[in-house]
Amino acid sequence: MSLSRAFATTLLAAACSAYAADPADLMITDGTVLTMNPENTVFEHGTVVVSDGKIVAVGGPELTAKYQAKKVLDVKGDIVMPGLINTHTHGSMTVFRSLGDDVPDRLHRYIFPLENKLVSRDMVRTGANLANIEMIKGGVTTYADMYYFEDEVAKTVDKAGLRAVLGETIINFPVADAQTPEEGIAYAVRFINEYKDHPRITPAFAPHAPYTNTTENLQKIAALSEELNVPVMIHLAETDREKEEIAKRTGGKSPVQYMADIGALNNRLLAAHVIMADDNDLDLLKKYDVGVAHNISANTKSAKGVAPVTQMLEKGIRTGLGTDGPMSSNTLTTMNELNLVGKIHKLETKNRAAMPPLTVVEMATKGSARALHMDDKIGSLETGKLADIIVVDTKAPNMVPVYSPYAALVYGANGANVRHTIVDGVILMEDRQLLTVNENEIIQDAQRLAEKVRETVRASGEEGK
């Protein structure tokens, strides 16, 4: 065969191969792929293929010959895993971060008065933008948020490209967007109707807590959530004050028992914290298929206690990880929660084998998806699921060497190790560069607002706390 004929044959073979390959939008190659599927399959030198916002194939290097993608990320052995899911936060409070960190009874003595003076649409939008970039850079692809003016939060989420469950807060006293809880409920209904068909935003009700809402309003919210088929998020069994107030209201019942008795425990409820819960309470959470958001760093920082998460997992309760707000944990990525979750529960149970790394990573991914009742869509890398994916650098000094990817994530990694963040198959961050929003502009806006916060705190005489 002549040289020219051989060359032509090679070109023809390459063309035929390319023609035979299935088209795809995105392909991630040569990764240590943690699927977090039911078998927790791991693919070394693995490949994830994405089209139309969904995962179409997960497997070994052989997939690279079967698909031709518009965009290829060759990650050279880095960890490829489902995006992290933050099941509980108040993102807009980023603008208050590091204020009053050690004030006793801070919520009532410091946070509520501060919010009364400063919460506005502008503050919520600015804080949410800052929260979004922090979460994208920390590998969070879905988050559950409770705050005011959640329609403003929704606008920022839509632009950033994240996925979120957004709950409009309802509380007994006057707040920035509602003078009464009834107005808060009406606001929530309008917000829900506006966003109920959004592909990445799930609107929700967010009564602040049992003790800061009346029985009648909690029952009304439960009924409306069923009618509108939307979630409800609430702080539950979190504080001594809550426990005491509900005991007075009910003649000694626990907050969880109270919520069950009034018909407010169901499979649409996401309960944040659940620190003060006994076996009977846990059985009720399991019975009603309630999701739980575990916020270890916020709970330890506030000295509230350690939630009985090992028992929750033993009972099969839907349990995921959250950060709480950035005034409570000072961080918004659950990557930074993994280490504490792994260690504190060993200390609490006095059992070194408790909460192994695989269990912790499960909680951060598919466990958090289960807590949000979204595990049919997100939380694992499986064919047909939404393409919410992150890539974690394994070559950073704090990650070398990697003998167990799960142990490396739990005991070594931090949010700054996330290289790429992908939601719905769209790359939001590539090699630490944000692609959907302007990071510098957002930080400058937050710094400008911080000056107003400083002036307000100075005028109130709370400066330095």
Protein backbone atom coordinates (compact mmCIF):
# COMPACT_ATOMS: atom_id res chain seq x y z
CA MET A 1 0.00 0.00 0.00
CA SER A 2 1.36 3.42 -0.90
CA LEU A 3 2.03 5.99 1.76
CA SER A 4 -0.71 8.30 0.41
CA ARG A 5 -3.22 5.43 0.40
CA ALA A 6 -2.32 4.43 3.95
CA PHE A 7 -2.76 8.01 5.08
CA ALA A 8 -6.15 8.20 3.38
CA THR A 9 -7.21 4.95 5.03
CA THR A 10 -6.22 6.31 8.45
CA LEU A 11 -8.20 9.49 7.88
CA LEU A 12 -11.24 7.48 6.76
CA ALA A 13 -11.05 5.26 9.84
CA ALA A 14 -10.82 8.32 12.10
CA ALA A 15 -13.75 9.94 10.35
CA CYS A 16 -15.85 6.80 10.65
CA SER A 17 -14.96 6.50 14.33
CA ALA A 18 -15.94 10.11 14.97
CA TYR A 19 -19.14 9.63 12.98
CA ALA A 20 -20.03 6.54 14.99
CA ALA A 21 -19.41 8.22 18.36
CA ASP A 22 -22.50 9.52 20.15
CA PRO A 23 -22.56 13.29 20.58
CA ALA A 24 -22.39 14.74 24.08
CA ASP A 25 -22.18 18.18 25.63
CA LEU A 26 -19.53 17.47 28.26
CA MET A 27 -17.17 14.64 29.11
CA ILE A 28 -15.02 14.40 32.23
CA THR A 29 -12.16 11.96 31.72
CA ASP A 30 -9.39 10.24 33.70
CA GLY A 31 -11.00 10.90 37.08
CA THR A 32 -11.29 8.95 40.29
CA VAL A 33 -15.07 8.81 39.97
CA LEU A 34 -16.99 8.38 43.23
CA THR A 35 -20.45 7.56 41.92
CA MET A 36 -22.15 7.38 45.37
CA ASN A 37 -24.61 4.98 43.73
CA PRO A 38 -26.20 2.24 45.91
CA GLU A 39 -23.05 0.12 45.57
CA ASN A 40 -20.72 3.13 46.01
CA THR A 41 -18.93 2.13 42.82
CA VAL A 42 -15.59 3.83 42.19
CA PHE A 43 -14.07 4.09 38.71
CA GLU A 44 -10.33 4.64 38.50
CA HIS A 45 -9.45 6.55 35.32
CA GLY A 46 -13.20 6.98 35.07
CA THR A 47 -15.40 8.95 32.70
CA VAL A 48 -18.65 10.87 33.15
CA VAL A 49 -20.64 11.88 30.06
CA VAL A 50 -23.27 14.64 30.08
CA SER A 51 -25.92 15.71 27.58
CA ASP A 52 -28.90 18.06 27.94
CA GLY A 53 -28.13 18.66 31.60
CA LYS A 54 -28.21 14.98 32.56
CA ILE A 55 -25.69 12.21 33.04
CA VAL A 56 -25.86 9.80 30.09
CA ALA A 57 -22.99 7.49 31.00
CA VAL A 58 -20.62 6.74 33.90
CA GLY A 59 -17.82 4.23 33.60
CA GLY A 60 -14.21 3.56 32.72
CA PRO A 61 -11.91 5.00 30.05
CA GLU A 62 -13.63 2.93 27.34
CA LEU A 63 -16.42 5.54 27.27
CA THR A 64 -14.09 8.08 25.70
CA ALA A 65 -14.24 6.13 22.43
CA LYS A 66 -18.03 5.93 22.50
CA TYR A 67 -18.78 9.65 22.85
CA GLN A 68 -17.64 12.83 21.17
CA ALA A 69 -18.20 15.81 23.45
CA LYS A 70 -18.24 19.52 22.72
CA LYS A 71 -16.24 20.08 25.93
CA VAL A 72 -13.78 17.69 27.57
CA LEU A 73 -12.33 18.11 31.06
CA ASP A 74 -9.30 15.84 31.46
CA VAL A 75 -8.90 15.88 35.25
CA LYS A 76 -5.79 13.66 35.46
CA GLY A 77 -6.79 11.53 38.41
CA ASP A 78 -8.63 14.14 40.45
CA ILE A 79 -11.74 13.12 42.40
CA VAL A 80 -14.98 13.41 40.43
CA MET A 81 -18.06 13.23 42.64
CA PRO A 82 -21.64 14.46 43.02
CA GLY A 83 -21.97 18.12 43.92
CA LEU A 84 -22.23 18.82 47.64
CA ILE A 85 -25.68 19.65 49.00
CA ASN A 86 -26.03 22.17 51.83
CA THR A 87 -29.32 21.27 53.50
CA HIS A 88 -29.59 24.30 55.76
CA THR A 89 -28.36 27.87 55.61
CA HIS A 90 -29.31 31.55 55.63
CA GLY A 91 -27.08 32.67 52.79
CA SER A 92 -27.80 36.39 52.81
CA MET A 93 -26.37 36.66 56.31
CA THR A 94 -22.87 36.55 54.79
CA VAL A 95 -22.83 40.33 55.23
CA PHE A 96 -23.03 39.80 59.03
CA ARG A 97 -20.30 37.17 59.22
CA SER A 98 -17.92 37.47 62.23
CA LEU A 99 -20.25 39.77 64.18
CA GLY A 100 -21.07 38.89 67.80
CA ASP A 101 -19.59 35.42 67.50
CA ASP A 102 -19.44 34.71 71.26
CA VAL A 103 -22.46 36.64 72.55
CA PRO A 104 -24.64 34.45 74.82
CA ASP A 105 -28.21 33.94 73.55
CA ARG A 106 -26.99 35.62 70.38
CA LEU A 107 -30.11 34.96 68.28
CA HIS A 108 -32.41 37.02 70.49
CA ARG A 109 -29.89 39.50 71.95
CA TYR A 110 -27.93 40.25 68.80
CA ILE A 111 -29.12 38.74 65.50
CA PHE A 112 -32.83 39.58 65.64
CA PRO A 113 -32.16 43.26 66.62
CA LEU A 114 -29.47 43.57 63.95
CA GLU A 115 -31.77 42.16 61.27
CA ASN A 116 -34.52 44.51 62.37
CA LYS A 117 -32.29 47.46 61.50
CA LEU A 118 -30.57 46.20 58.36
CA VAL A 119 -32.54 43.60 56.40
CA SER A 120 -33.70 44.97 53.05
CA ARG A 121 -33.98 43.78 49.48
CA ASP A 122 -30.56 45.24 48.75
CA MET A 123 -28.98 43.51 51.75
CA VAL A 124 -30.57 40.16 50.87
CA ARG A 125 -29.50 40.37 47.24
CA THR A 126 -25.93 41.41 48.10
CA GLY A 127 -25.56 38.73 50.76
CA ALA A 128 -27.03 36.03 48.54
CA ASN A 129 -24.66 36.89 45.69
CA LEU A 130 -21.72 36.56 48.07
CA ALA A 131 -23.10 33.28 49.41
CA ASN A 132 -23.51 31.90 45.91
CA ILE A 133 -19.91 32.48 44.89
CA GLU A 134 -18.67 31.00 48.15
CA MET A 135 -20.74 27.88 47.60
CA ILE A 136 -19.78 27.48 43.95
CA LYS A 137 -16.11 27.76 44.89
CA GLY A 138 -16.62 25.30 47.74
CA GLY A 139 -18.34 22.65 45.62
CA VAL A 140 -21.94 23.17 46.76
CA THR A 141 -24.29 22.68 43.82
CA THR A 142 -27.62 22.66 45.73
CA TYR A 143 -28.54 24.51 48.89
CA ALA A 144 -31.58 24.93 51.13
CA ASP A 145 -32.06 28.50 52.33
CA MET A 146 -34.36 30.15 54.86
CA TYR A 147 -34.56 33.94 54.93
CA TYR A 148 -36.53 37.03 53.98
CA PHE A 149 -37.18 38.41 50.50
CA GLU A 150 -36.49 34.95 49.07
CA ASP A 151 -37.59 36.17 45.66
CA GLU A 152 -34.41 38.25 45.65
CA VAL A 153 -32.37 35.18 46.59
CA ALA A 154 -34.06 33.30 43.74
CA LYS A 155 -32.92 35.92 41.22
CA THR A 156 -29.31 35.50 42.31
CA VAL A 157 -29.54 31.71 42.20
CA ASP A 158 -31.03 31.84 38.72
CA LYS A 159 -28.19 34.02 37.44
CA ALA A 160 -25.42 32.05 39.16
CA GLY A 161 -26.75 28.76 37.80
CA LEU A 162 -27.05 26.97 41.14
CA ARG A 163 -29.82 24.68 42.32
CA ALA A 164 -31.69 25.67 45.49
CA VAL A 165 -34.64 25.07 47.77
CA LEU A 166 -35.64 28.53 48.96
CA GLY A 167 -37.94 29.04 51.93
CA GLU A 168 -39.65 32.32 52.78
CA THR A 169 -39.39 32.85 56.55
CA ILE A 170 -42.55 33.16 58.63
CA ILE A 171 -42.27 34.36 62.22
CA ASN A 172 -44.50 35.85 64.92
CA PHE A 173 -43.01 39.34 65.12
CA PRO A 174 -42.71 42.09 62.46
CA VAL A 175 -39.82 41.63 60.00
CA ALA A 176 -38.59 43.44 56.92
CA ASP A 177 -40.93 41.80 54.41
CA ALA A 178 -43.98 41.09 56.60
CA GLN A 179 -45.49 42.90 59.56
CA THR A 180 -47.46 39.82 60.65
CA PRO A 181 -47.04 36.06 60.18
CA GLU A 182 -50.17 36.10 58.05
CA GLU A 183 -48.45 38.56 55.72
CA GLY A 184 -45.43 36.25 55.74
CA ILE A 185 -47.58 33.31 54.66
CA ALA A 186 -49.15 35.40 51.88
CA TYR A 187 -45.67 36.49 50.74
CA ALA A 188 -44.57 32.86 50.68
CA VAL A 189 -47.58 31.81 48.60
CA ARG A 190 -46.84 34.52 46.02
CA PHE A 191 -43.20 33.48 45.89
CA ILE A 192 -44.15 29.81 45.50
CA ASN A 193 -46.54 30.54 42.66
CA GLU A 194 -43.88 32.62 40.88
CA TYR A 195 -41.16 29.95 41.04
CA LYS A 196 -42.98 26.62 41.25
CA ASP A 197 -42.10 25.71 37.66
CA HIS A 198 -38.46 26.82 37.70
CA PRO A 199 -36.09 24.01 36.65
CA ARG A 200 -33.50 24.67 39.39
CA ILE A 201 -35.40 26.52 42.12
CA THR A 202 -37.83 24.85 44.50
CA PRO A 203 -39.80 27.44 46.49
CA ALA A 204 -40.87 26.56 50.03
CA PHE A 205 -42.42 27.72 53.28
CA ALA A 206 -40.00 28.36 56.15
CA PRO A 207 -41.67 28.90 59.53
CA HIS A 208 -38.74 29.92 61.73
CA ALA A 209 -39.38 27.45 64.59
CA PRO A 210 -42.27 25.93 66.55
CA TYR A 211 -41.90 28.39 69.43
CA THR A 212 -41.77 31.45 67.14
CA ASN A 213 -45.01 30.49 65.35
CA THR A 214 -48.50 29.74 66.62
CA THR A 215 -50.06 26.31 66.40
CA GLU A 216 -52.69 27.69 64.02
CA ASN A 217 -50.12 29.10 61.62
CA LEU A 218 -48.00 25.94 61.68
CA GLN A 219 -51.12 23.93 60.79
CA LYS A 220 -52.05 26.39 58.06
CA ILE A 221 -48.56 26.14 56.56
CA ALA A 222 -48.71 22.33 56.68
CA ALA A 223 -52.04 22.37 54.83
CA LEU A 224 -50.81 24.87 52.23
CA SER A 225 -47.65 22.88 51.63
CA GLU A 226 -49.77 19.84 50.83
CA GLU A 227 -52.08 21.85 48.60
CA LEU A 228 -49.21 23.47 46.69
CA ASN A 229 -46.96 20.39 46.90
CA VAL A 230 -43.91 22.27 48.21
CA PRO A 231 -41.47 21.68 51.08
CA VAL A 232 -41.47 23.22 54.54
CA MET A 233 -38.23 24.06 56.35
CA ILE A 234 -38.04 24.72 60.08
CA HIS A 235 -35.57 24.89 62.99
CA LEU A 236 -36.60 22.04 65.25
CA ALA A 237 -35.41 20.75 68.64
CA GLU A 238 -32.53 23.21 68.50
CA THR A 239 -32.49 25.31 71.66
CA ASP A 240 -33.29 25.24 75.36
CA ARG A 241 -35.65 28.19 74.90
CA GLU A 242 -37.59 26.30 72.22
CA LYS A 243 -37.81 23.21 74.42
CA GLU A 244 -39.05 25.24 77.40
CA GLU A 245 -41.57 27.28 75.41
CA ILE A 246 -43.09 24.22 73.74
CA ALA A 247 -43.23 22.37 77.06
CA LYS A 248 -45.23 25.29 78.50
CA ARG A 249 -47.51 25.34 75.46
CA THR A 250 -48.20 21.60 75.57
CA GLY A 251 -47.87 20.53 79.18
CA GLY A 252 -44.45 18.96 78.80
CA LYS A 253 -44.21 17.63 75.25
CA SER A 254 -41.03 17.85 73.17
CA PRO A 255 -40.93 20.05 70.05
CA VAL A 256 -40.93 16.95 67.81
CA GLN A 257 -43.89 15.41 69.65
CA TYR A 258 -45.74 18.73 69.44
CA MET A 259 -45.19 18.98 65.68
CA ALA A 260 -46.50 15.44 65.25
CA ASP A 261 -49.57 16.10 67.39
CA ILE A 262 -50.58 19.19 65.43
CA GLY A 263 -50.18 17.44 62.08
CA ALA A 264 -47.05 19.31 61.00
CA LEU A 265 -44.67 16.34 60.66
CA ASN A 266 -44.71 14.86 57.16
CA ASN A 267 -42.53 13.92 54.22
CA ARG A 268 -42.39 17.52 52.98
CA LEU A 269 -40.69 18.74 56.15
CA LEU A 270 -36.97 19.47 56.47
CA ALA A 271 -36.00 19.88 60.12
CA ALA A 272 -32.79 21.73 60.88
CA HIS A 273 -30.59 20.77 63.85
CA VAL A 274 -32.73 18.26 65.85
CA ILE A 275 -30.23 18.29 68.71
CA MET A 276 -32.64 17.72 71.59
CA ALA A 277 -34.35 14.54 70.45
CA ASP A 278 -34.86 11.26 72.32
CA ASP A 279 -35.65 7.83 70.89
CA ASN A 280 -39.38 8.57 70.78
CA ASP A 281 -38.70 11.76 68.82
CA LEU A 282 -36.47 9.89 66.38
CA ASP A 283 -39.13 7.25 65.87
CA LEU A 284 -41.61 10.00 64.99
CA LEU A 285 -39.18 11.51 62.47
CA LYS A 286 -38.79 8.10 60.87
CA LYS A 287 -42.52 7.38 60.93
CA TYR A 288 -43.37 10.63 59.15
CA ASP A 289 -40.37 10.41 56.78
CA VAL A 290 -38.99 13.80 57.84
CA GLY A 291 -35.65 15.05 56.49
CA VAL A 292 -33.01 16.28 58.95
CA ALA A 293 -30.27 18.85 58.33
CA HIS A 294 -27.26 18.22 60.57
CA ASN A 295 -25.17 21.35 61.25
CA ILE A 296 -22.19 20.19 63.28
CA SER A 297 -19.94 23.27 63.21
CA ALA A 298 -22.76 25.72 64.03
CA ASN A 299 -24.02 23.51 66.85
CA THR A 300 -20.59 23.09 68.42
CA LYS A 301 -19.70 26.76 68.03
CA SER A 302 -22.92 27.74 69.83
CA ALA A 303 -22.39 25.03 72.48
CA LYS A 304 -25.90 23.69 71.90
CA GLY A 305 -24.87 20.05 71.79
CA VAL A 306 -24.38 17.21 69.36
CA ALA A 307 -27.38 15.87 67.47
CA PRO A 308 -27.91 12.09 67.79
CA VAL A 309 -26.96 11.51 64.17
CA THR A 310 -25.50 8.03 64.61
CA GLN A 311 -28.89 6.91 65.95
CA MET A 312 -30.67 8.73 63.11
CA LEU A 313 -28.63 6.83 60.56
CA GLU A 314 -29.24 3.53 62.36
CA LYS A 315 -32.99 4.18 62.20
CA GLY A 316 -32.83 5.10 58.50
CA ILE A 317 -33.89 8.72 59.02
CA ARG A 318 -33.19 10.94 56.01
CA THR A 319 -30.13 12.84 57.29
CA GLY A 320 -27.94 15.30 55.41
CA LEU A 321 -25.38 17.99 56.15
CA GLY A 322 -25.83 21.73 56.43
CA THR A 323 -23.72 24.66 57.51
CA ASP A 324 -26.41 26.86 59.06
CA GLY A 325 -25.98 30.55 58.37
CA PRO A 326 -22.62 32.28 57.95
CA MET A 327 -23.06 33.95 61.35
CA SER A 328 -23.40 30.51 62.92
CA SER A 329 -20.65 28.47 61.27
CA ASN A 330 -18.85 31.22 59.33
CA THR A 331 -18.71 28.96 56.27
CA LEU A 332 -21.15 27.88 53.58
CA THR A 333 -19.51 24.84 52.04
CA THR A 334 -20.22 21.45 53.53
CA MET A 335 -16.74 20.36 52.42
CA ASN A 336 -15.57 22.18 55.55
CA GLU A 337 -18.12 20.29 57.67
CA LEU A 338 -16.85 16.82 56.78
CA ASN A 339 -13.88 16.85 59.13
CA LEU A 340 -15.91 17.88 62.17
CA VAL A 341 -18.70 15.42 61.41
CA GLY A 342 -16.19 12.60 61.19
CA LYS A 343 -14.42 13.53 64.41
CA ILE A 344 -17.06 14.95 66.78
CA HIS A 345 -19.28 11.88 66.54
CA LYS A 346 -16.32 9.65 67.38
CA LEU A 347 -15.75 11.78 70.46
CA GLU A 348 -19.43 11.91 71.36
CA THR A 349 -19.82 8.12 71.11
CA LYS A 350 -16.28 7.38 72.37
CA ASN A 351 -15.95 5.06 69.40
CA ARG A 352 -13.10 5.53 66.93
CA ALA A 353 -14.95 3.42 64.35
CA ALA A 354 -18.06 5.64 64.45
CA MET A 355 -18.89 7.81 61.44
CA PRO A 356 -16.32 6.41 58.98
CA PRO A 357 -15.34 8.58 55.99
CA LEU A 358 -17.62 6.79 53.52
CA THR A 359 -20.62 7.48 55.76
CA VAL A 360 -19.70 11.15 56.03
CA VAL A 361 -19.33 11.56 52.26
CA GLU A 362 -22.65 9.76 51.80
CA MET A 363 -24.32 12.26 54.11
CA ALA A 364 -22.85 15.18 52.16
CA THR A 365 -24.14 13.86 48.82
CA LYS A 366 -26.89 11.27 48.51
CA GLY A 367 -27.83 11.59 52.19
CA SER A 368 -28.43 15.29 51.77
CA ALA A 369 -30.41 14.61 48.60
CA ARG A 370 -32.55 12.15 50.59
CA ALA A 371 -33.09 14.75 53.33
CA LEU A 372 -34.44 17.13 50.68
CA HIS A 373 -36.49 14.31 49.08
CA MET A 374 -34.56 14.96 45.87
CA ASP A 375 -32.56 11.73 45.71
CA ASP A 376 -34.35 10.69 42.53
CA LYS A 377 -32.66 13.64 40.79
CA ILE A 378 -29.38 14.48 42.50
CA GLY A 379 -26.86 13.17 45.04
CA SER A 380 -25.12 10.50 42.96
CA LEU A 381 -23.49 10.10 39.56
CA GLU A 382 -25.89 7.74 37.80
CA THR A 383 -27.33 7.59 34.31
CA GLY A 384 -30.44 9.73 34.07
CA LYS A 385 -29.69 11.95 37.04
CA LEU A 386 -29.10 15.68 36.79
CA ALA A 387 -25.49 16.56 36.00
CA ASP A 388 -24.49 18.26 39.26
CA ILE A 389 -20.80 17.36 39.54
CA ILE A 390 -17.65 18.65 41.19
CA VAL A 391 -13.97 17.88 40.67
CA VAL A 392 -11.64 17.96 43.69
CA ASP A 393 -7.90 18.55 43.27
CA THR A 394 -5.85 15.60 44.50
CA LYS A 395 -2.51 17.24 43.82
CA ALA A 396 -2.72 20.02 46.40
CA PRO A 397 -0.27 19.54 49.29
CA ASN A 398 -3.05 18.79 51.78
CA MET A 399 -4.36 16.02 49.51
CA VAL A 400 -1.13 14.15 48.66
CA PRO A 401 -1.03 11.16 48.70
CA VAL A 402 -4.54 9.74 48.26
CA TYR A 403 -4.82 6.13 49.42
CA SER A 404 -8.54 6.42 50.23
CA PRO A 405 -10.48 9.14 48.41
CA TYR A 406 -13.16 9.15 51.12
CA ALA A 407 -10.62 9.62 53.92
CA ALA A 408 -8.84 12.30 51.88
CA LEU A 409 -12.09 14.22 51.48
CA VAL A 410 -13.14 13.95 55.13
CA TYR A 411 -9.85 14.42 56.94
CA GLY A 412 -7.77 16.39 54.44
CA ALA A 413 -9.84 18.42 51.99
CA ASN A 414 -11.26 21.90 52.26
CA GLY A 415 -13.44 23.99 49.99
CA ALA A 416 -10.45 25.56 48.24
CA ASN A 417 -9.57 22.14 46.80
CA VAL A 418 -12.58 22.21 44.46
CA ARG A 419 -11.39 22.78 40.87
CA HIS A 420 -14.57 22.56 38.80
CA THR A 421 -18.24 22.99 39.72
CA ILE A 422 -21.00 21.89 37.33
CA VAL A 423 -24.79 22.23 37.69
CA ASP A 424 -27.29 20.91 35.14
CA GLY A 425 -24.32 20.13 32.92
CA VAL A 426 -23.25 23.79 32.88
CA ILE A 427 -19.76 24.61 34.13
CA LEU A 428 -20.12 27.32 36.77
CA MET A 429 -16.46 27.25 37.78
CA GLU A 430 -13.51 25.97 35.78
CA ASP A 431 -10.07 25.79 37.36
CA ARG A 432 -11.28 28.06 40.19
CA GLN A 433 -12.55 30.73 37.77
CA LEU A 434 -16.24 31.63 38.05
CA LEU A 435 -17.97 31.69 34.67
CA THR A 436 -21.54 32.84 35.39
CA VAL A 437 -21.04 35.81 37.73
CA ASN A 438 -18.43 38.49 38.37
CA GLU A 439 -16.68 37.56 41.61
CA ASN A 440 -14.83 40.87 42.05
CA GLU A 441 -17.97 42.98 41.61
CA ILE A 442 -19.89 40.86 44.11
CA ILE A 443 -17.15 41.12 46.73
CA GLN A 444 -16.91 44.88 46.23
CA ASP A 445 -20.70 45.21 46.70
CA ALA A 446 -20.49 43.18 49.91
CA GLN A 447 -17.64 45.32 51.21
CA ARG A 448 -19.63 48.50 50.53
CA LEU A 449 -22.60 47.09 52.45
CA ALA A 450 -20.27 46.06 55.28
CA GLU A 451 -19.53 49.74 55.89
CA LYS A 452 -23.22 50.35 56.56
CA VAL A 453 -23.30 47.34 58.87
CA ARG A 454 -20.27 48.68 60.80
CA GLU A 455 -21.93 52.08 61.22
CA THR A 456 -25.11 50.48 62.50
CA VAL A 457 -23.27 48.24 64.95
CA ARG A 458 -21.13 51.18 66.15
CA ALA A 459 -24.23 53.32 66.73
CA SER A 460 -25.90 50.54 68.71
CA GLY A 461 -22.95 50.27 71.08
CA GLU A 462 -22.34 46.61 70.14
CA GLU A 463 -19.04 47.23 68.35
CA GLY A 464 -16.30 44.80 69.27
CA LYS A 465 -18.60 42.00 70.36
